[in-house]
Amino acid sequence: QLGAVLLNHARREAHKLGFQNLYLCTD
């Protein structure tokens, strides 16, 4: 579950920076 931990950490950090959404691109 490290992927889940990292994804949620990124979402929290983006919120701290004032963003409402976070995006990613992937295959």
mmCIF file of all heavy atoms, coordinates in Angstrom:
data_MODEL
# 
_entry.id   MODEL 
# 
loop_
_atom_site.group_PDB 
_atom_site.id 
_atom_site.type_symbol 
_atom_site.label_atom_id 
_atom_site.label_alt_id 
_atom_site.label_comp_id 
_atom_site.label_asym_id 
_atom_site.label_entity_id 
_atom_site.label_seq_id 
_atom_site.pdbx_PDB_ins_code 
_atom_site.Cartn_x 
_atom_site.Cartn_y 
_atom_site.Cartn_z 
_atom_site.occupancy 
_atom_site.B_iso_or_equiv 
_atom_site.pdbx_formal_charge 
_atom_site.auth_seq_id 
_atom_site.auth_comp_id 
_atom_site.auth_asym_id 
_atom_site.auth_atom_id 
_atom_site.pdbx_PDB_model_num 
ATOM 1   N N   . GLN A 1 1  ? 0.797   -1.233 0.000   1.00 0.00 ? 1  GLN A N   1 
ATOM 2   C CA  . GLN A 1 1  ? 0.000   0.000  0.000   1.00 0.00 ? 1  GLN A CA  1 
ATOM 3   C C   . GLN A 1 1  ? 0.829   1.283  0.000   1.00 0.00 ? 1  GLN A C   1 
ATOM 4   O O   . GLN A 1 1  ? 0.336   2.350  0.349   1.00 0.00 ? 1  GLN A O   1 
ATOM 5   C CB  . GLN A 1 1  ? -0.986  0.008  1.173   1.00 0.00 ? 1  GLN A CB  1 
ATOM 6   C CG  . GLN A 1 1  ? -2.006  -1.113 1.131   1.00 0.00 ? 1  GLN A CG  1 
ATOM 7   C CD  . GLN A 1 1  ? -2.891  -1.029 -0.105  1.00 0.00 ? 1  GLN A CD  1 
ATOM 8   O OE1 . GLN A 1 1  ? -3.440  0.023  -0.399  1.00 0.00 ? 1  GLN A OE1 1 
ATOM 9   N NE2 . GLN A 1 1  ? -3.001  -2.122 -0.836  1.00 0.00 ? 1  GLN A NE2 1 
ATOM 10  N N   . LEU A 1 2  ? 2.100   1.189  -0.395  1.00 0.00 ? 2  LEU A N   1 
ATOM 11  C CA  . LEU A 1 2  ? 2.934   2.390  -0.450  1.00 0.00 ? 2  LEU A CA  1 
ATOM 12  C C   . LEU A 1 2  ? 2.455   3.360  -1.525  1.00 0.00 ? 2  LEU A C   1 
ATOM 13  O O   . LEU A 1 2  ? 2.539   4.574  -1.352  1.00 0.00 ? 2  LEU A O   1 
ATOM 14  C CB  . LEU A 1 2  ? 4.402   2.016  -0.694  1.00 0.00 ? 2  LEU A CB  1 
ATOM 15  C CG  . LEU A 1 2  ? 5.074   1.256  0.443   1.00 0.00 ? 2  LEU A CG  1 
ATOM 16  C CD1 . LEU A 1 2  ? 6.478   0.855  0.033   1.00 0.00 ? 2  LEU A CD1 1 
ATOM 17  C CD2 . LEU A 1 2  ? 5.093   2.076  1.701   1.00 0.00 ? 2  LEU A CD2 1 
ATOM 18  N N   . GLY A 1 3  ? 1.938   2.841  -2.621  1.00 0.00 ? 3  GLY A N   1 
ATOM 19  C CA  . GLY A 1 3  ? 1.391   3.704  -3.661  1.00 0.00 ? 3  GLY A CA  1 
ATOM 20  C C   . GLY A 1 3  ? 0.263   4.561  -3.126  1.00 0.00 ? 3  GLY A C   1 
ATOM 21  O O   . GLY A 1 3  ? 0.198   5.766  -3.375  1.00 0.00 ? 3  GLY A O   1 
ATOM 22  N N   . ALA A 1 4  ? -0.643  3.960  -2.357  1.00 0.00 ? 4  ALA A N   1 
ATOM 23  C CA  . ALA A 1 4  ? -1.761  4.698  -1.757  1.00 0.00 ? 4  ALA A CA  1 
ATOM 24  C C   . ALA A 1 4  ? -1.256  5.773  -0.804  1.00 0.00 ? 4  ALA A C   1 
ATOM 25  O O   . ALA A 1 4  ? -1.749  6.909  -0.811  1.00 0.00 ? 4  ALA A O   1 
ATOM 26  C CB  . ALA A 1 4  ? -2.692  3.738  -1.023  1.00 0.00 ? 4  ALA A CB  1 
ATOM 27  N N   . VAL A 1 5  ? -0.255  5.434  -0.010  1.00 0.00 ? 5  VAL A N   1 
ATOM 28  C CA  . VAL A 1 5  ? 0.320   6.403  0.927   1.00 0.00 ? 5  VAL A CA  1 
ATOM 29  C C   . VAL A 1 5  ? 0.916   7.588  0.173   1.00 0.00 ? 5  VAL A C   1 
ATOM 30  O O   . VAL A 1 5  ? 0.677   8.751  0.523   1.00 0.00 ? 5  VAL A O   1 
ATOM 31  C CB  . VAL A 1 5  ? 1.388   5.727  1.823   1.00 0.00 ? 5  VAL A CB  1 
ATOM 32  C CG1 . VAL A 1 5  ? 2.159   6.753  2.631   1.00 0.00 ? 5  VAL A CG1 1 
ATOM 33  C CG2 . VAL A 1 5  ? 0.732   4.702  2.737   1.00 0.00 ? 5  VAL A CG2 1 
ATOM 34  N N   . LEU A 1 6  ? 1.674   7.311  -0.876  1.00 0.00 ? 6  LEU A N   1 
ATOM 35  C CA  . LEU A 1 6  ? 2.305   8.377  -1.650  1.00 0.00 ? 6  LEU A CA  1 
ATOM 36  C C   . LEU A 1 6  ? 1.281   9.235  -2.394  1.00 0.00 ? 6  LEU A C   1 
ATOM 37  O O   . LEU A 1 6  ? 1.405   10.460 -2.429  1.00 0.00 ? 6  LEU A O   1 
ATOM 38  C CB  . LEU A 1 6  ? 3.316   7.780  -2.633  1.00 0.00 ? 6  LEU A CB  1 
ATOM 39  C CG  . LEU A 1 6  ? 4.542   7.140  -1.989  1.00 0.00 ? 6  LEU A CG  1 
ATOM 40  C CD1 . LEU A 1 6  ? 5.334   6.364  -3.036  1.00 0.00 ? 6  LEU A CD1 1 
ATOM 41  C CD2 . LEU A 1 6  ? 5.410   8.178  -1.306  1.00 0.00 ? 6  LEU A CD2 1 
ATOM 42  N N   . LEU A 1 7  ? 0.267   8.602  -2.968  1.00 0.00 ? 7  LEU A N   1 
ATOM 43  C CA  . LEU A 1 7  ? -0.773  9.357  -3.669  1.00 0.00 ? 7  LEU A CA  1 
ATOM 44  C C   . LEU A 1 7  ? -1.515  10.291 -2.712  1.00 0.00 ? 7  LEU A C   1 
ATOM 45  O O   . LEU A 1 7  ? -1.753  11.460 -3.029  1.00 0.00 ? 7  LEU A O   1 
ATOM 46  C CB  . LEU A 1 7  ? -1.767  8.403  -4.336  1.00 0.00 ? 7  LEU A CB  1 
ATOM 47  C CG  . LEU A 1 7  ? -1.253  7.659  -5.561  1.00 0.00 ? 7  LEU A CG  1 
ATOM 48  C CD1 . LEU A 1 7  ? -2.225  6.549  -5.952  1.00 0.00 ? 7  LEU A CD1 1 
ATOM 49  C CD2 . LEU A 1 7  ? -1.021  8.616  -6.721  1.00 0.00 ? 7  LEU A CD2 1 
ATOM 50  N N   . ASN A 1 8  ? -1.872  9.797  -1.547  1.00 0.00 ? 8  ASN A N   1 
ATOM 51  C CA  . ASN A 1 8  ? -2.582  10.635 -0.581  1.00 0.00 ? 8  ASN A CA  1 
ATOM 52  C C   . ASN A 1 8  ? -1.694  11.740 -0.031  1.00 0.00 ? 8  ASN A C   1 
ATOM 53  O O   . ASN A 1 8  ? -2.156  12.856 0.217   1.00 0.00 ? 8  ASN A O   1 
ATOM 54  C CB  . ASN A 1 8  ? -3.177  9.792  0.534   1.00 0.00 ? 8  ASN A CB  1 
ATOM 55  C CG  . ASN A 1 8  ? -4.388  9.014  0.062   1.00 0.00 ? 8  ASN A CG  1 
ATOM 56  O OD1 . ASN A 1 8  ? -5.047  9.405  -0.894  1.00 0.00 ? 8  ASN A OD1 1 
ATOM 57  N ND2 . ASN A 1 8  ? -4.676  7.913  0.723   1.00 0.00 ? 8  ASN A ND2 1 
ATOM 58  N N   . HIS A 1 9  ? -0.422  11.456 0.141   1.00 0.00 ? 9  HIS A N   1 
ATOM 59  C CA  . HIS A 1 9  ? 0.516   12.492 0.586   1.00 0.00 ? 9  HIS A CA  1 
ATOM 60  C C   . HIS A 1 9  ? 0.570   13.621 -0.449  1.00 0.00 ? 9  HIS A C   1 
ATOM 61  O O   . HIS A 1 9  ? 0.530   14.802 -0.092  1.00 0.00 ? 9  HIS A O   1 
ATOM 62  C CB  . HIS A 1 9  ? 1.907   11.901 0.808   1.00 0.00 ? 9  HIS A CB  1 
ATOM 63  C CG  . HIS A 1 9  ? 2.932   12.913 1.155   1.00 0.00 ? 9  HIS A CG  1 
ATOM 64  N ND1 . HIS A 1 9  ? 2.977   13.530 2.387   1.00 0.00 ? 9  HIS A ND1 1 
ATOM 65  C CD2 . HIS A 1 9  ? 3.941   13.446 0.427   1.00 0.00 ? 9  HIS A CD2 1 
ATOM 66  C CE1 . HIS A 1 9  ? 3.974   14.403 2.394   1.00 0.00 ? 9  HIS A CE1 1 
ATOM 67  N NE2 . HIS A 1 9  ? 4.578   14.358 1.214   1.00 0.00 ? 9  HIS A NE2 1 
ATOM 68  N N   . ALA A 1 10 ? 0.654   13.259 -1.712  1.00 0.00 ? 10 ALA A N   1 
ATOM 69  C CA  . ALA A 1 10 ? 0.695   14.271 -2.777  1.00 0.00 ? 10 ALA A CA  1 
ATOM 70  C C   . ALA A 1 10 ? -0.585  15.094 -2.788  1.00 0.00 ? 10 ALA A C   1 
ATOM 71  O O   . ALA A 1 10 ? -0.544  16.324 -2.957  1.00 0.00 ? 10 ALA A O   1 
ATOM 72  C CB  . ALA A 1 10 ? 0.904   13.596 -4.132  1.00 0.00 ? 10 ALA A CB  1 
ATOM 73  N N   . ARG A 1 11 ? -1.723  14.449 -2.572  1.00 0.00 ? 11 ARG A N   1 
ATOM 74  C CA  . ARG A 1 11 ? -2.997  15.174 -2.547  1.00 0.00 ? 11 ARG A CA  1 
ATOM 75  C C   . ARG A 1 11 ? -3.064  16.139 -1.363  1.00 0.00 ? 11 ARG A C   1 
ATOM 76  O O   . ARG A 1 11 ? -3.574  17.247 -1.495  1.00 0.00 ? 11 ARG A O   1 
ATOM 77  C CB  . ARG A 1 11 ? -4.155  14.178 -2.520  1.00 0.00 ? 11 ARG A CB  1 
ATOM 78  C CG  . ARG A 1 11 ? -4.281  13.426 -3.840  1.00 0.00 ? 11 ARG A CG  1 
ATOM 79  C CD  . ARG A 1 11 ? -5.241  12.278 -3.765  1.00 0.00 ? 11 ARG A CD  1 
ATOM 80  N NE  . ARG A 1 11 ? -6.608  12.749 -3.560  1.00 0.00 ? 11 ARG A NE  1 
ATOM 81  C CZ  . ARG A 1 11 ? -7.612  11.916 -3.301  1.00 0.00 ? 11 ARG A CZ  1 
ATOM 82  N NH1 . ARG A 1 11 ? -7.425  10.608 -3.237  1.00 0.00 ? 11 ARG A NH1 1 
ATOM 83  N NH2 . ARG A 1 11 ? -8.835  12.403 -3.129  1.00 0.00 ? 11 ARG A NH2 1 
ATOM 84  N N   . ARG A 1 12 ? -2.547  15.740 -0.215  1.00 0.00 ? 12 ARG A N   1 
ATOM 85  C CA  . ARG A 1 12 ? -2.512  16.643 0.954   1.00 0.00 ? 12 ARG A CA  1 
ATOM 86  C C   . ARG A 1 12 ? -1.575  17.820 0.715   1.00 0.00 ? 12 ARG A C   1 
ATOM 87  O O   . ARG A 1 12 ? -1.899  18.967 1.040   1.00 0.00 ? 12 ARG A O   1 
ATOM 88  C CB  . ARG A 1 12 ? -2.102  15.866 2.209   1.00 0.00 ? 12 ARG A CB  1 
ATOM 89  C CG  . ARG A 1 12 ? -3.217  15.011 2.785   1.00 0.00 ? 12 ARG A CG  1 
ATOM 90  C CD  . ARG A 1 12 ? -2.874  14.471 4.161   1.00 0.00 ? 12 ARG A CD  1 
ATOM 91  N NE  . ARG A 1 12 ? -1.723  13.580 4.136   1.00 0.00 ? 12 ARG A NE  1 
ATOM 92  C CZ  . ARG A 1 12 ? -1.783  12.286 3.849   1.00 0.00 ? 12 ARG A CZ  1 
ATOM 93  N NH1 . ARG A 1 12 ? -2.936  11.715 3.561   1.00 0.00 ? 12 ARG A NH1 1 
ATOM 94  N NH2 . ARG A 1 12 ? -0.703  11.550 3.850   1.00 0.00 ? 12 ARG A NH2 1 
ATOM 95  N N   . GLU A 1 13 ? -0.415  17.553 0.152   1.00 0.00 ? 13 GLU A N   1 
ATOM 96  C CA  . GLU A 1 13 ? 0.549   18.628 -0.116  1.00 0.00 ? 13 GLU A CA  1 
ATOM 97  C C   . GLU A 1 13 ? -0.004  19.619 -1.143  1.00 0.00 ? 13 GLU A C   1 
ATOM 98  O O   . GLU A 1 13 ? 0.184   20.822 -1.008  1.00 0.00 ? 13 GLU A O   1 
ATOM 99  C CB  . GLU A 1 13 ? 1.885   18.049 -0.586  1.00 0.00 ? 13 GLU A CB  1 
ATOM 100 C CG  . GLU A 1 13 ? 2.638   17.301 0.494   1.00 0.00 ? 13 GLU A CG  1 
ATOM 101 C CD  . GLU A 1 13 ? 2.996   18.177 1.688   1.00 0.00 ? 13 GLU A CD  1 
ATOM 102 O OE1 . GLU A 1 13 ? 3.544   19.283 1.488   1.00 0.00 ? 13 GLU A OE1 1 
ATOM 103 O OE2 . GLU A 1 13 ? 2.713   17.762 2.830   1.00 0.00 ? 13 GLU A OE2 1 
ATOM 104 N N   . ALA A 1 14 ? -0.686  19.113 -2.162  1.00 0.00 ? 14 ALA A N   1 
ATOM 105 C CA  . ALA A 1 14 ? -1.294  20.004 -3.155  1.00 0.00 ? 14 ALA A CA  1 
ATOM 106 C C   . ALA A 1 14 ? -2.357  20.888 -2.502  1.00 0.00 ? 14 ALA A C   1 
ATOM 107 O O   . ALA A 1 14 ? -2.481  22.069 -2.829  1.00 0.00 ? 14 ALA A O   1 
ATOM 108 C CB  . ALA A 1 14 ? -1.893  19.186 -4.299  1.00 0.00 ? 14 ALA A CB  1 
ATOM 109 N N   . HIS A 1 15 ? -3.115  20.324 -1.560  1.00 0.00 ? 15 HIS A N   1 
ATOM 110 C CA  . HIS A 1 15 ? -4.121  21.125 -0.857  1.00 0.00 ? 15 HIS A CA  1 
ATOM 111 C C   . HIS A 1 15 ? -3.449  22.233 -0.050  1.00 0.00 ? 15 HIS A C   1 
ATOM 112 O O   . HIS A 1 15 ? -3.917  23.379 -0.049  1.00 0.00 ? 15 HIS A O   1 
ATOM 113 C CB  . HIS A 1 15 ? -4.973  20.241 0.054   1.00 0.00 ? 15 HIS A CB  1 
ATOM 114 C CG  . HIS A 1 15 ? -6.140  20.984 0.616   1.00 0.00 ? 15 HIS A CG  1 
ATOM 115 N ND1 . HIS A 1 15 ? -6.048  21.749 1.752   1.00 0.00 ? 15 HIS A ND1 1 
ATOM 116 C CD2 . HIS A 1 15 ? -7.416  21.093 0.185   1.00 0.00 ? 15 HIS A CD2 1 
ATOM 117 C CE1 . HIS A 1 15 ? -7.216  22.305 2.001   1.00 0.00 ? 15 HIS A CE1 1 
ATOM 118 N NE2 . HIS A 1 15 ? -8.069  21.920 1.061   1.00 0.00 ? 15 HIS A NE2 1 
ATOM 119 N N   . LYS A 1 16 ? -2.360  21.916 0.627   1.00 0.00 ? 16 LYS A N   1 
ATOM 120 C CA  . LYS A 1 16 ? -1.617  22.922 1.403   1.00 0.00 ? 16 LYS A CA  1 
ATOM 121 C C   . LYS A 1 16 ? -1.147  24.075 0.516   1.00 0.00 ? 16 LYS A C   1 
ATOM 122 O O   . LYS A 1 16 ? -1.011  25.200 0.978   1.00 0.00 ? 16 LYS A O   1 
ATOM 123 C CB  . LYS A 1 16 ? -0.401  22.295 2.089   1.00 0.00 ? 16 LYS A CB  1 
ATOM 124 C CG  . LYS A 1 16 ? -0.728  21.392 3.245   1.00 0.00 ? 16 LYS A CG  1 
ATOM 125 C CD  . LYS A 1 16 ? 0.564   20.820 3.806   1.00 0.00 ? 16 LYS A CD  1 
ATOM 126 C CE  . LYS A 1 16 ? 0.318   19.728 4.807   1.00 0.00 ? 16 LYS A CE  1 
ATOM 127 N NZ  . LYS A 1 16 ? 1.585   19.132 5.275   1.00 0.00 ? 16 LYS A NZ  1 
ATOM 128 N N   . LEU A 1 17 ? -0.895  23.781 -0.750  1.00 0.00 ? 17 LEU A N   1 
ATOM 129 C CA  . LEU A 1 17 ? -0.446  24.803 -1.697  1.00 0.00 ? 17 LEU A CA  1 
ATOM 130 C C   . LEU A 1 17 ? -1.612  25.563 -2.328  1.00 0.00 ? 17 LEU A C   1 
ATOM 131 O O   . LEU A 1 17 ? -1.404  26.441 -3.167  1.00 0.00 ? 17 LEU A O   1 
ATOM 132 C CB  . LEU A 1 17 ? 0.415   24.162 -2.781  1.00 0.00 ? 17 LEU A CB  1 
ATOM 133 C CG  . LEU A 1 17 ? 1.749   23.598 -2.287  1.00 0.00 ? 17 LEU A CG  1 
ATOM 134 C CD1 . LEU A 1 17 ? 2.413   22.781 -3.388  1.00 0.00 ? 17 LEU A CD1 1 
ATOM 135 C CD2 . LEU A 1 17 ? 2.660   24.718 -1.811  1.00 0.00 ? 17 LEU A CD2 1 
ATOM 136 N N   . GLY A 1 18 ? -2.833  25.214 -1.935  1.00 0.00 ? 18 GLY A N   1 
ATOM 137 C CA  . GLY A 1 18 ? -3.998  25.955 -2.385  1.00 0.00 ? 18 GLY A CA  1 
ATOM 138 C C   . GLY A 1 18 ? -4.729  25.385 -3.590  1.00 0.00 ? 18 GLY A C   1 
ATOM 139 O O   . GLY A 1 18 ? -5.621  26.027 -4.139  1.00 0.00 ? 18 GLY A O   1 
ATOM 140 N N   . PHE A 1 19 ? -4.387  24.175 -3.999  1.00 0.00 ? 19 PHE A N   1 
ATOM 141 C CA  . PHE A 1 19 ? -5.042  23.566 -5.158  1.00 0.00 ? 19 PHE A CA  1 
ATOM 142 C C   . PHE A 1 19 ? -6.246  22.732 -4.724  1.00 0.00 ? 19 PHE A C   1 
ATOM 143 O O   . PHE A 1 19 ? -6.220  22.109 -3.667  1.00 0.00 ? 19 PHE A O   1 
ATOM 144 C CB  . PHE A 1 19 ? -4.060  22.686 -5.932  1.00 0.00 ? 19 PHE A CB  1 
ATOM 145 C CG  . PHE A 1 19 ? -2.932  23.464 -6.522  1.00 0.00 ? 19 PHE A CG  1 
ATOM 146 C CD1 . PHE A 1 19 ? -1.676  23.455 -5.925  1.00 0.00 ? 19 PHE A CD1 1 
ATOM 147 C CD2 . PHE A 1 19 ? -3.122  24.220 -7.665  1.00 0.00 ? 19 PHE A CD2 1 
ATOM 148 C CE1 . PHE A 1 19 ? -0.634  24.178 -6.461  1.00 0.00 ? 19 PHE A CE1 1 
ATOM 149 C CE2 . PHE A 1 19 ? -2.079  24.954 -8.210  1.00 0.00 ? 19 PHE A CE2 1 
ATOM 150 C CZ  . PHE A 1 19 ? -0.828  24.934 -7.602  1.00 0.00 ? 19 PHE A CZ  1 
ATOM 151 N N   . GLN A 1 20 ? -7.268  22.703 -5.566  1.00 0.00 ? 20 GLN A N   1 
ATOM 152 C CA  . GLN A 1 20 ? -8.454  21.886 -5.298  1.00 0.00 ? 20 GLN A CA  1 
ATOM 153 C C   . GLN A 1 20 ? -8.363  20.519 -5.954  1.00 0.00 ? 20 GLN A C   1 
ATOM 154 O O   . GLN A 1 20 ? -8.988  19.564 -5.487  1.00 0.00 ? 20 GLN A O   1 
ATOM 155 C CB  . GLN A 1 20 ? -9.713  22.598 -5.787  1.00 0.00 ? 20 GLN A CB  1 
ATOM 156 C CG  . GLN A 1 20 ? -10.017 23.841 -5.002  1.00 0.00 ? 20 GLN A CG  1 
ATOM 157 C CD  . GLN A 1 20 ? -11.286 24.520 -5.501  1.00 0.00 ? 20 GLN A CD  1 
ATOM 158 O OE1 . GLN A 1 20 ? -11.782 24.242 -6.589  1.00 0.00 ? 20 GLN A OE1 1 
ATOM 159 N NE2 . GLN A 1 20 ? -11.806 25.420 -4.697  1.00 0.00 ? 20 GLN A NE2 1 
ATOM 160 N N   . ASN A 1 21 ? -7.613  20.432 -7.037  1.00 0.00 ? 21 ASN A N   1 
ATOM 161 C CA  . ASN A 1 21 ? -7.464  19.176 -7.778  1.00 0.00 ? 21 ASN A CA  1 
ATOM 162 C C   . ASN A 1 21 ? -5.996  18.916 -8.078  1.00 0.00 ? 21 ASN A C   1 
ATOM 163 O O   . ASN A 1 21 ? -5.193  19.848 -8.156  1.00 0.00 ? 21 ASN A O   1 
ATOM 164 C CB  . ASN A 1 21 ? -8.219  19.232 -9.112  1.00 0.00 ? 21 ASN A CB  1 
ATOM 165 C CG  . ASN A 1 21 ? -9.704  19.301 -8.914  1.00 0.00 ? 21 ASN A CG  1 
ATOM 166 O OD1 . ASN A 1 21 ? -10.278 18.502 -8.196  1.00 0.00 ? 21 ASN A OD1 1 
ATOM 167 N ND2 . ASN A 1 21 ? -10.335 20.270 -9.548  1.00 0.00 ? 21 ASN A ND2 1 
ATOM 168 N N   . LEU A 1 22 ? -5.683  17.637 -8.245  1.00 0.00 ? 22 LEU A N   1 
ATOM 169 C CA  . LEU A 1 22 ? -4.352  17.214 -8.660  1.00 0.00 ? 22 LEU A CA  1 
ATOM 170 C C   . LEU A 1 22 ? -4.542  16.284 -9.852  1.00 0.00 ? 22 LEU A C   1 
ATOM 171 O O   . LEU A 1 22 ? -5.487  15.488 -9.882  1.00 0.00 ? 22 LEU A O   1 
ATOM 172 C CB  . LEU A 1 22 ? -3.653  16.484 -7.513  1.00 0.00 ? 22 LEU A CB  1 
ATOM 173 C CG  . LEU A 1 22 ? -2.205  16.066 -7.731  1.00 0.00 ? 22 LEU A CG  1 
ATOM 174 C CD1 . LEU A 1 22 ? -1.311  17.270 -8.013  1.00 0.00 ? 22 LEU A CD1 1 
ATOM 175 C CD2 . LEU A 1 22 ? -1.693  15.296 -6.512  1.00 0.00 ? 22 LEU A CD2 1 
ATOM 176 N N   . TYR A 1 23 ? -3.669  16.382 -10.834 1.00 0.00 ? 23 TYR A N   1 
ATOM 177 C CA  . TYR A 1 23 ? -3.784  15.613 -12.075 1.00 0.00 ? 23 TYR A CA  1 
ATOM 178 C C   . TYR A 1 23 ? -2.563  14.722 -12.244 1.00 0.00 ? 23 TYR A C   1 
ATOM 179 O O   . TYR A 1 23 ? -1.498  14.988 -11.690 1.00 0.00 ? 23 TYR A O   1 
ATOM 180 C CB  . TYR A 1 23 ? -3.881  16.562 -13.277 1.00 0.00 ? 23 TYR A CB  1 
ATOM 181 C CG  . TYR A 1 23 ? -5.064  17.489 -13.187 1.00 0.00 ? 23 TYR A CG  1 
ATOM 182 C CD1 . TYR A 1 23 ? -4.955  18.719 -12.549 1.00 0.00 ? 23 TYR A CD1 1 
ATOM 183 C CD2 . TYR A 1 23 ? -6.296  17.117 -13.722 1.00 0.00 ? 23 TYR A CD2 1 
ATOM 184 C CE1 . TYR A 1 23 ? -6.047  19.569 -12.446 1.00 0.00 ? 23 TYR A CE1 1 
ATOM 185 C CE2 . TYR A 1 23 ? -7.389  17.968 -13.633 1.00 0.00 ? 23 TYR A CE2 1 
ATOM 186 C CZ  . TYR A 1 23 ? -7.257  19.189 -12.985 1.00 0.00 ? 23 TYR A CZ  1 
ATOM 187 O OH  . TYR A 1 23 ? -8.341  20.019 -12.879 1.00 0.00 ? 23 TYR A OH  1 
ATOM 188 N N   . LEU A 1 24 ? -2.735  13.677 -13.040 1.00 0.00 ? 24 LEU A N   1 
ATOM 189 C CA  . LEU A 1 24 ? -1.600  12.851 -13.448 1.00 0.00 ? 24 LEU A CA  1 
ATOM 190 C C   . LEU A 1 24 ? -1.906  12.260 -14.804 1.00 0.00 ? 24 LEU A C   1 
ATOM 191 O O   . LEU A 1 24 ? -3.065  12.149 -15.208 1.00 0.00 ? 24 LEU A O   1 
ATOM 192 C CB  . LEU A 1 24 ? -1.279  11.763 -12.423 1.00 0.00 ? 24 LEU A CB  1 
ATOM 193 C CG  . LEU A 1 24 ? -2.307  10.688 -12.094 1.00 0.00 ? 24 LEU A CG  1 
ATOM 194 C CD1 . LEU A 1 24 ? -2.320  9.570  -13.122 1.00 0.00 ? 24 LEU A CD1 1 
ATOM 195 C CD2 . LEU A 1 24 ? -2.016  10.106 -10.724 1.00 0.00 ? 24 LEU A CD2 1 
ATOM 196 N N   . CYS A 1 25 ? -0.848  11.921 -15.528 1.00 0.00 ? 25 CYS A N   1 
ATOM 197 C CA  . CYS A 1 25 ? -1.030  11.228 -16.802 1.00 0.00 ? 25 CYS A CA  1 
ATOM 198 C C   . CYS A 1 25 ? -0.279  9.903  -16.721 1.00 0.00 ? 25 CYS A C   1 
ATOM 199 O O   . CYS A 1 25 ? 0.774   9.804  -16.096 1.00 0.00 ? 25 CYS A O   1 
ATOM 200 C CB  . CYS A 1 25 ? -0.557  12.073 -17.979 1.00 0.00 ? 25 CYS A CB  1 
ATOM 201 S SG  . CYS A 1 25 ? 1.156   12.567 -17.926 1.00 0.00 ? 25 CYS A SG  1 
ATOM 202 N N   . THR A 1 26 ? -0.867  8.882  -17.328 1.00 0.00 ? 26 THR A N   1 
ATOM 203 C CA  . THR A 1 26 ? -0.320  7.543  -17.198 1.00 0.00 ? 26 THR A CA  1 
ATOM 204 C C   . THR A 1 26 ? -0.798  6.635  -18.317 1.00 0.00 ? 26 THR A C   1 
ATOM 205 O O   . THR A 1 26 ? -1.808  6.907  -18.965 1.00 0.00 ? 26 THR A O   1 
ATOM 206 C CB  . THR A 1 26 ? -0.723  6.926  -15.837 1.00 0.00 ? 26 THR A CB  1 
ATOM 207 O OG1 . THR A 1 26 ? -0.075  5.668  -15.676 1.00 0.00 ? 26 THR A OG1 1 
ATOM 208 C CG2 . THR A 1 26 ? -2.220  6.745  -15.727 1.00 0.00 ? 26 THR A CG2 1 
ATOM 209 N N   . ASP A 1 27 ? -0.086  5.542  -18.499 1.00 0.00 ? 27 ASP A N   1 
ATOM 210 C CA  . ASP A 1 27 ? -0.503  4.469  -19.392 1.00 0.00 ? 27 ASP A CA  1 
ATOM 211 C C   . ASP A 1 27 ? -1.093  3.306  -18.594 1.00 0.00 ? 27 ASP A C   1 
ATOM 212 O O   . ASP A 1 27 ? -1.595  2.350  -19.173 1.00 0.00 ? 27 ASP A O   1 
ATOM 213 C CB  . ASP A 1 27 ? 0.684   3.959  -20.208 1.00 0.00 ? 27 ASP A CB  1 
ATOM 214 C CG  . ASP A 1 27 ? 1.236   5.020  -21.134 1.00 0.00 ? 27 ASP A CG  1 
ATOM 215 O OD1 . ASP A 1 27 ? 0.466   5.899  -21.563 1.00 0.00 ? 27 ASP A OD1 1 
ATOM 216 O OD2 . ASP A 1 27 ? 2.440   4.976  -21.428 1.00 0.00 ? 27 ASP A OD2 1 
# 
